Protein backbone atom coordinates (compact mmCIF):
# COMPACT_ATOMS: atom_id res chain seq x y z
CA UNK A 1 0.00 0.00 0.00
CA UNK A 2 2.84 2.35 0.89
CA UNK A 3 4.38 1.87 -2.58
CA UNK A 4 1.10 2.77 -4.27
CA UNK A 5 0.71 5.88 -2.11
CA UNK A 6 4.29 7.01 -2.74
CA UNK A 7 3.43 7.75 -6.39
CA UNK A 8 0.48 10.02 -5.59
CA UNK A 9 1.04 13.75 -5.26
CA UNK A 10 -0.56 15.46 -2.26
CA UNK A 11 -1.87 18.20 -4.57
CA UNK A 12 -3.96 15.57 -6.36
CA UNK A 13 -6.02 14.90 -3.23
CA UNK A 14 -9.50 16.28 -2.65
CA UNK A 15 -11.95 15.60 0.20
CA UNK A 16 -13.88 13.34 -2.19
CA UNK A 17 -10.83 11.09 -2.45
CA UNK A 18 -10.78 8.24 0.07
CA UNK A 19 -7.05 8.67 0.64
CA UNK A 20 -7.38 12.38 1.32
CA UNK A 21 -10.29 12.12 3.73
CA UNK A 22 -8.71 9.05 5.34
CA UNK A 23 -11.83 6.94 4.84
CA UNK A 24 -10.60 3.94 2.92
CA UNK A 25 -13.34 1.41 2.32
CA UNK A 26 -12.55 -2.27 2.19
CA UNK A 27 -14.29 -2.42 -1.18
CA UNK A 28 -12.31 0.46 -2.73
CA UNK A 29 -10.16 -0.29 -5.77
CA UNK A 30 -7.02 0.52 -3.79
CA UNK A 31 -7.80 -2.16 -1.20
CA UNK A 32 -9.13 -4.69 -3.72
CA UNK A 33 -5.84 -4.49 -5.65
CA UNK A 34 -3.64 -5.16 -2.62
CA UNK A 35 -1.71 -8.40 -2.38
CA UNK A 36 -2.99 -11.06 0.01
CA UNK A 37 -0.60 -10.15 2.82
CA UNK A 38 -1.21 -6.40 2.51
CA UNK A 39 -4.98 -6.98 2.38
CA UNK A 40 -4.86 -9.08 5.54
CA UNK A 41 -2.81 -6.38 7.28
CA UNK A 42 -5.32 -3.72 6.19
CA UNK A 43 -8.29 -5.77 7.44
CA UNK A 44 -6.74 -6.82 10.78
CA UNK A 45 -7.83 -3.72 12.77
CA UNK A 46 -11.39 -4.14 11.53
CA UNK A 47 -11.41 -7.79 12.53
CA UNK A 48 -10.09 -6.86 15.97
CA UNK A 49 -12.92 -4.35 16.43
CA UNK A 50 -15.67 -6.93 15.95
CA UNK A 51 -17.26 -7.44 19.35
CA UNK A 52 -17.69 -10.94 20.67
CA UNK A 53 -20.91 -11.39 22.56
CA UNK A 54 -20.37 -13.12 25.90
CA UNK A 55 -22.00 -16.54 26.11
CA UNK A 56 -24.10 -15.50 29.12
CA UNK A 57 -25.67 -12.69 27.04
CA UNK A 58 -26.39 -15.10 24.20
CA UNK A 59 -28.04 -17.49 26.66
CA UNK A 60 -30.12 -14.69 28.16
CA UNK A 61 -31.33 -13.59 24.71
CA UNK A 62 -32.11 -17.17 23.69
CA UNK A 63 -34.02 -17.72 26.93
CA UNK A 64 -36.03 -14.53 26.36
CA UNK A 65 -37.00 -15.62 22.84
CA UNK A 66 -37.90 -19.14 23.96
CA UNK A 67 -40.01 -17.98 26.91
CA UNK A 68 -41.63 -14.88 25.41
CA UNK A 69 -45.41 -14.86 25.25
CA UNK A 70 -47.79 -12.12 24.19
CA UNK A 71 -49.61 -12.48 27.52
CA UNK A 72 -46.44 -11.66 29.46
CA UNK A 73 -46.05 -8.41 27.55
CA UNK A 74 -49.46 -6.86 28.31
CA UNK A 75 -48.07 -4.08 30.52
CA UNK A 76 -44.89 -3.69 28.49
CA UNK A 77 -46.02 -1.35 25.71
CA UNK A 78 -46.80 1.64 27.94
CA UNK A 79 -43.41 1.20 29.64
CA UNK A 80 -41.64 1.24 26.27
CA UNK A 81 -43.55 4.22 24.88
CA UNK A 82 -41.64 7.50 24.96
CA UNK A 83 -43.43 10.63 26.15
CA UNK A 84 -40.90 12.90 24.40
CA UNK A 85 -39.32 14.09 27.65
CA UNK A 86 -35.81 13.42 28.90
CA UNK A 87 -35.67 10.44 31.24
CA UNK A 88 -32.25 11.26 32.66
CA UNK A 89 -31.51 14.10 35.04
CA UNK A 90 -29.50 17.07 33.84
CA UNK A 91 -26.51 15.86 35.90
CA UNK A 92 -26.60 12.44 34.22
CA UNK A 93 -26.87 14.07 30.77
CA UNK A 94 -23.80 16.23 31.53
CA UNK A 95 -21.86 13.15 32.66
CA UNK A 96 -22.82 11.19 29.54
CA UNK A 97 -21.93 14.14 27.32
CA UNK A 98 -18.55 14.40 29.02
CA UNK A 99 -17.84 10.71 28.49
CA UNK A 100 -18.77 11.01 24.80
CA UNK A 101 -16.53 14.03 24.33
CA UNK A 102 -13.66 12.36 26.20
CA UNK A 103 -13.71 9.51 23.71
CA UNK A 104 -13.24 11.96 20.85
């Protein structure tokens, strides 16, 4: 990949160009034309970012699906309906906002 990039002039970049905006899709021509080893190296971070669901969560979801009945959900709909008001306090919203901004 580095060899291919070496031959591209910086002045040729525009924000529409995946290399210039640093968004390189795995189905872009540049990536598709990489050798097997380079392609695997490019894809490794993406593969490492795929979350693995813990088995206990899978079991809990499977149990829910297996045991779900319409009768058991009679009082559920009102609880899941949103009344268009914030559910969290202002302090909690500030904390959440701070955590989001800290990740950036």
